[in-house]
Amino acid sequence: SDVVSFVNLFLPNADFTESQLRAVPGLDPLPGGSPTSTPSPTTAQLSVPGSISGTLSASDDTIQDSGDTFFIDDYVLNAPGLSSGQTIRLSLNSPDFDTVLRVLDDGTDPPRLIDENDDAPSGGLDSELDLIFSPSITYLVRVSSFSSDTTGAYEVSATVVGGASPTIALNRTVTNQISGDVQVSVQIPTSVVLANSFSLVATELDIDEEPFMRSFRRSSVELFDGFTSYAAEFPISRLADFSSLEIGGVTSADCVVLHFPGTDPTQFANQITVSTACSL
């Protein structure tokens, strides 16, 4: 089946978690991500930097997915003074349940999914993602669970982990490339702190005819000597044409290589394209 092919082809080259492998390929790989009902408006705010302790309860707003009910808490991200391109790290921790963290654009109707995470790169059942800030977007931070009808205590927090992330120009435009066929490696050792993830907009539209995001996650190990590598978290869609990237902590002076998964990024035959700063 398609699911078996996906696991066999891509698992050796990326740090996929058990809960990611449980996800069924579709428009939104994590449960509760495509609501059939609209949550009530919220005025609660999550400041940057800041944290909120809360509880998912049976009295919370809900969303439905495949007939299952998921409780949610929504927070508007309040980031006064932040500049465009700065990296915000969002973390969601709970002693009671397997968390799912989502960021949506509250300026669209319905809110458009920007990014999501089930299990943080460091492991465990908590969630963490990095967001490259844009002052033109009203960000909605959504707290939920991996399993339906789940309640319990949690803490959600936001911190600034990097300055403005400049646009990284590529030598050529990448067109309609399946996300699972691309690995992104930055010529910076994994000992240097870089963003845990970055996102690109998919060409194909979701059920509401809106573009949706494909997230690339940082590998926890140095797969190639001197490089930090990223792989598509859910390589099931085609990407839009793009000629540049933004990765938190990476500058326009750094070498970024887009290459075929599991292959040496320094070898020309393996490269899809490179950033203009590369001299490999």
Protein backbone atom coordinates (compact mmCIF):
# COMPACT_ATOMS: atom_id res chain seq x y z
CA SER A 1 0.00 0.00 0.00
CA ASP A 2 1.03 3.65 -0.20
CA VAL A 3 1.62 3.79 3.55
CA VAL A 4 4.05 0.86 3.46
CA SER A 5 5.93 2.43 0.56
CA PHE A 6 6.21 5.68 2.49
CA VAL A 7 7.72 4.00 5.54
CA ASN A 8 10.17 1.87 3.58
CA LEU A 9 11.36 4.75 1.43
CA PHE A 10 11.72 7.61 3.85
CA LEU A 11 12.18 6.28 7.39
CA PRO A 12 15.94 5.59 7.10
CA ASN A 13 16.68 9.22 6.25
CA ALA A 14 14.65 11.15 8.80
CA ASP A 15 13.87 11.23 12.50
CA PHE A 16 10.19 10.30 12.32
CA THR A 17 8.51 9.55 15.63
CA GLU A 18 6.17 6.72 16.49
CA SER A 19 3.16 9.02 16.55
CA GLN A 20 4.09 10.42 13.11
CA LEU A 21 4.15 6.92 11.69
CA ARG A 22 0.69 6.33 13.17
CA ALA A 23 -0.63 9.31 11.19
CA VAL A 24 -2.66 8.48 8.09
CA PRO A 25 -1.57 10.32 4.94
CA GLY A 26 -4.07 12.99 3.97
CA LEU A 27 -4.55 16.71 3.91
CA ASP A 28 -3.71 17.04 7.59
CA PRO A 29 -1.62 14.20 9.06
CA LEU A 30 -2.41 14.88 12.71
CA PRO A 31 -5.84 14.21 14.21
CA GLY A 32 -8.12 17.11 14.93
CA GLY A 33 -6.46 19.33 12.35
CA SER A 34 -9.40 19.76 9.98
CA PRO A 35 -12.29 20.96 12.14
CA THR A 36 -15.86 20.50 10.97
CA SER A 37 -17.02 23.09 13.50
CA THR A 38 -15.62 26.54 14.21
CA PRO A 39 -14.30 27.13 17.75
CA SER A 40 -15.60 30.07 19.73
CA PRO A 41 -13.59 33.30 19.49
CA THR A 42 -10.94 33.74 22.16
CA THR A 43 -9.35 36.82 23.66
CA ALA A 44 -6.69 34.98 25.66
CA GLN A 45 -3.17 35.96 24.64
CA LEU A 46 0.20 34.22 24.80
CA SER A 47 2.93 36.83 25.13
CA VAL A 48 6.42 36.51 23.65
CA PRO A 49 8.30 35.78 25.82
CA GLY A 50 5.85 34.18 28.20
CA SER A 51 4.03 31.04 29.27
CA ILE A 52 0.51 29.97 30.27
CA SER A 53 -0.53 27.05 32.44
CA GLY A 54 -3.92 25.66 31.51
CA THR A 55 -6.13 22.60 31.42
CA LEU A 56 -7.89 20.83 28.59
CA SER A 57 -11.35 20.04 29.95
CA ALA A 58 -14.70 18.73 28.76
CA SER A 59 -16.05 22.30 28.85
CA ASP A 60 -13.51 23.56 26.29
CA ASP A 61 -14.15 24.31 22.64
CA THR A 62 -13.98 21.26 20.41
CA ILE A 63 -13.14 20.29 16.86
CA GLN A 64 -14.22 17.14 15.05
CA ASP A 65 -12.08 14.85 12.94
CA SER A 66 -13.36 11.58 11.42
CA GLY A 67 -16.16 11.51 13.98
CA ASP A 68 -13.81 11.98 16.95
CA THR A 69 -13.91 14.95 19.32
CA PHE A 70 -10.80 16.86 20.37
CA PHE A 71 -10.75 19.54 23.08
CA ILE A 72 -8.78 22.69 22.27
CA ASP A 73 -7.54 25.90 23.86
CA ASP A 74 -6.64 28.78 21.54
CA TYR A 75 -4.34 31.73 22.27
CA VAL A 76 -3.55 34.78 20.16
CA LEU A 77 0.21 35.28 19.98
CA ASN A 78 1.17 38.70 21.36
CA ALA A 79 4.64 39.68 20.15
CA PRO A 80 5.13 43.44 20.51
CA GLY A 81 8.46 44.76 19.34
CA LEU A 82 9.42 41.69 17.32
CA SER A 83 10.83 42.23 13.85
CA SER A 84 9.91 40.34 10.72
CA GLY A 85 11.99 37.18 10.35
CA GLN A 86 12.76 36.63 14.03
CA THR A 87 12.38 33.04 15.24
CA ILE A 88 9.88 32.20 17.99
CA ARG A 89 10.04 28.79 19.67
CA LEU A 90 6.67 27.49 20.87
CA SER A 91 6.63 24.64 23.39
CA LEU A 92 3.72 22.61 24.75
CA ASN A 93 4.26 20.28 27.72
CA SER A 94 1.85 18.09 29.66
CA PRO A 95 2.24 15.46 32.39
CA ASP A 96 -1.18 14.05 31.50
CA PHE A 97 -1.48 13.57 27.72
CA ASP A 98 0.28 13.33 24.36
CA THR A 99 0.21 16.93 23.13
CA VAL A 100 -0.36 18.41 19.67
CA LEU A 101 0.63 22.01 19.00
CA ARG A 102 -0.63 23.99 16.01
CA VAL A 103 -0.17 27.53 14.71
CA LEU A 104 -2.88 29.02 12.49
CA ASP A 105 -3.41 32.29 10.64
CA ASP A 106 -6.38 33.87 12.42
CA GLY A 107 -6.73 36.42 9.64
CA THR A 108 -8.24 33.86 7.25
CA ASP A 109 -11.70 32.28 7.36
CA PRO A 110 -11.40 29.53 8.43
CA PRO A 111 -7.99 29.96 10.09
CA ARG A 112 -5.26 28.55 7.83
CA LEU A 113 -2.84 26.00 9.26
CA ILE A 114 0.72 27.38 9.27
CA ASP A 115 2.58 24.64 11.14
CA GLU A 116 2.00 21.80 13.60
CA ASN A 117 3.95 19.39 15.78
CA ASP A 118 3.11 16.26 17.72
CA ASP A 119 6.42 15.16 19.27
CA ALA A 120 9.35 17.55 19.81
CA PRO A 121 12.70 16.79 18.10
CA SER A 122 14.21 16.07 21.51
CA GLY A 123 11.83 13.12 21.92
CA GLY A 124 8.95 12.31 24.23
CA LEU A 125 5.28 13.19 23.88
CA ASP A 126 5.54 16.97 24.30
CA SER A 127 5.43 19.34 21.32
CA GLU A 128 7.72 22.06 20.02
CA LEU A 129 8.01 24.09 16.82
CA ASP A 130 9.87 27.14 15.55
CA LEU A 131 7.99 29.97 13.88
CA ILE A 132 9.54 32.65 11.68
CA PHE A 133 7.60 35.74 12.71
CA SER A 134 5.75 38.02 10.31
CA PRO A 135 4.02 41.10 11.79
CA SER A 136 1.36 40.96 9.06
CA ILE A 137 -0.07 37.65 10.40
CA THR A 138 -2.35 37.23 13.42
CA TYR A 139 -1.06 33.97 14.88
CA LEU A 140 -3.39 31.61 16.72
CA VAL A 141 -1.63 29.06 18.95
CA ARG A 142 -3.78 25.95 19.40
CA VAL A 143 -3.32 23.46 22.24
CA SER A 144 -4.79 20.00 21.64
CA SER A 145 -4.10 16.29 22.09
CA PHE A 146 -3.12 13.39 19.87
CA SER A 147 -5.95 11.20 21.19
CA SER A 148 -9.60 12.18 21.17
CA ASP A 149 -11.63 13.09 24.28
CA THR A 150 -8.43 13.81 26.21
CA THR A 151 -8.17 16.19 29.16
CA GLY A 152 -5.38 17.27 31.48
CA ALA A 153 -2.99 19.98 32.58
CA TYR A 154 -0.46 21.63 30.24
CA GLU A 155 1.92 24.55 29.89
CA VAL A 156 2.42 26.42 26.61
CA SER A 157 5.29 28.87 26.23
CA ALA A 158 6.86 31.18 23.66
CA THR A 159 10.46 32.40 23.56
CA VAL A 160 12.60 34.27 21.05
CA VAL A 161 15.48 32.05 19.96
CA GLY A 162 16.95 33.94 17.03
CA GLY A 163 17.28 37.25 15.29
CA ALA A 164 15.82 38.05 11.91
CA SER A 165 16.19 35.20 9.42
CA PRO A 166 17.20 36.58 6.04
CA THR A 167 15.96 35.12 2.80
CA ILE A 168 18.38 32.52 1.45
CA ALA A 169 18.52 32.71 -2.33
CA LEU A 170 18.91 29.50 -4.33
CA ASN A 171 20.79 29.12 -7.59
CA ARG A 172 17.66 27.99 -9.39
CA THR A 173 13.94 27.68 -8.82
CA VAL A 174 12.67 24.29 -7.61
CA THR A 175 9.41 23.33 -9.31
CA ASN A 176 6.78 20.81 -8.14
CA GLN A 177 9.22 18.74 -6.15
CA ILE A 178 7.68 16.08 -3.90
CA SER A 179 8.72 17.03 -0.39
CA GLY A 180 9.87 13.51 0.49
CA ASP A 181 12.32 13.64 -2.41
CA VAL A 182 14.19 16.57 -0.87
CA GLN A 183 16.60 16.77 2.03
CA VAL A 184 17.90 20.18 3.09
CA SER A 185 21.39 20.34 4.59
CA VAL A 186 23.06 23.47 5.97
CA GLN A 187 26.87 23.56 6.15
CA ILE A 188 26.78 24.27 9.89
CA PRO A 189 27.55 21.53 12.48
CA THR A 190 24.67 20.25 14.61
CA SER A 191 26.46 21.61 17.69
CA VAL A 192 25.33 25.09 16.59
CA VAL A 193 21.75 25.93 17.58
CA LEU A 194 19.52 26.29 14.53
CA ALA A 195 15.75 26.26 14.14
CA ASN A 196 14.07 22.91 14.76
CA SER A 197 11.91 23.34 11.67
CA PHE A 198 10.95 25.49 8.73
CA SER A 199 7.97 25.39 6.37
CA LEU A 200 7.14 25.71 2.70
CA VAL A 201 3.72 26.16 1.09
CA ALA A 202 2.38 23.18 -0.87
CA THR A 203 1.17 23.54 -4.45
CA GLU A 204 -1.89 21.32 -3.96
CA LEU A 205 -4.85 22.85 -2.15
CA ASP A 206 -6.68 21.52 0.87
CA ILE A 207 -10.41 20.81 1.06
CA ASP A 208 -11.13 24.54 1.43
CA GLU A 209 -8.98 25.31 -1.63
CA GLU A 210 -6.34 26.95 0.56
CA PRO A 211 -2.61 26.22 0.32
CA PHE A 212 -1.23 24.26 3.26
CA MET A 213 2.23 23.97 4.76
CA ARG A 214 4.85 21.26 4.53
CA SER A 215 7.14 21.23 7.55
CA PHE A 216 10.80 20.21 7.45
CA ARG A 217 12.25 18.97 10.76
CA ARG A 218 15.86 19.08 11.92
CA SER A 219 17.65 15.77 12.42
CA SER A 220 18.90 15.25 15.97
CA VAL A 221 22.12 13.67 14.67
CA GLU A 222 24.74 14.88 12.21
CA LEU A 223 23.95 12.76 9.17
CA PHE A 224 26.69 14.35 7.06
CA ASP A 225 29.97 15.64 8.48
CA GLY A 226 29.73 19.38 9.20
CA PHE A 227 26.08 19.68 8.14
CA THR A 228 22.74 20.12 9.90
CA SER A 229 20.02 18.34 7.95
CA TYR A 230 16.26 18.69 7.64
CA ALA A 231 13.73 16.21 6.20
CA ALA A 232 10.05 16.59 5.35
CA GLU A 233 7.95 15.62 8.38
CA PHE A 234 5.10 14.29 6.22
CA PRO A 235 6.33 13.90 2.63
CA ILE A 236 2.92 13.38 1.03
CA SER A 237 2.36 16.50 -1.08
CA ARG A 238 3.99 18.50 -3.81
CA LEU A 239 5.69 21.77 -3.04
CA ALA A 240 5.05 25.10 -4.67
CA ASP A 241 7.71 26.56 -6.94
CA PHE A 242 10.28 28.31 -4.77
CA SER A 243 13.65 29.97 -5.26
CA SER A 244 14.47 30.87 -1.65
CA LEU A 245 14.17 29.61 1.94
CA GLU A 246 14.07 31.02 5.45
CA ILE A 247 15.56 28.89 8.24
CA GLY A 248 15.97 30.31 11.74
CA GLY A 249 19.65 30.84 12.59
CA VAL A 250 20.80 30.49 8.97
CA THR A 251 22.10 33.55 7.14
CA SER A 252 22.55 34.39 3.47
CA ALA A 253 26.28 33.78 3.94
CA ASP A 254 25.72 30.11 4.84
CA CYS A 255 25.75 27.25 2.35
CA VAL A 256 22.39 25.46 2.02
CA VAL A 257 22.10 22.35 -0.16
CA LEU A 258 18.87 20.79 -1.41
CA HIS A 259 19.72 17.21 -2.28
CA PHE A 260 18.26 13.74 -2.67
CA PRO A 261 17.56 12.06 0.71
CA GLY A 262 20.40 10.06 2.22
CA THR A 263 22.97 11.22 -0.32
CA ASP A 264 26.17 13.21 0.29
CA PRO A 265 25.27 16.91 -0.12
CA THR A 266 28.82 17.81 -1.17
CA GLN A 267 28.58 15.72 -4.36
CA PHE A 268 27.28 17.62 -7.39
CA ALA A 269 25.36 14.61 -8.75
CA ASN A 270 23.26 14.49 -5.57
CA GLN A 271 22.34 18.17 -5.51
CA ILE A 272 18.97 19.53 -6.62
CA THR A 273 20.13 23.10 -6.08
CA VAL A 274 22.29 25.09 -3.65
CA SER A 275 22.24 28.55 -2.13
CA THR A 276 24.24 31.30 -3.77
CA ALA A 277 26.77 31.25 -0.89
CA CYS A 278 27.87 27.66 -1.56
CA SER A 279 31.35 26.95 -2.92
CA LEU A 280 31.23 23.16 -2.80
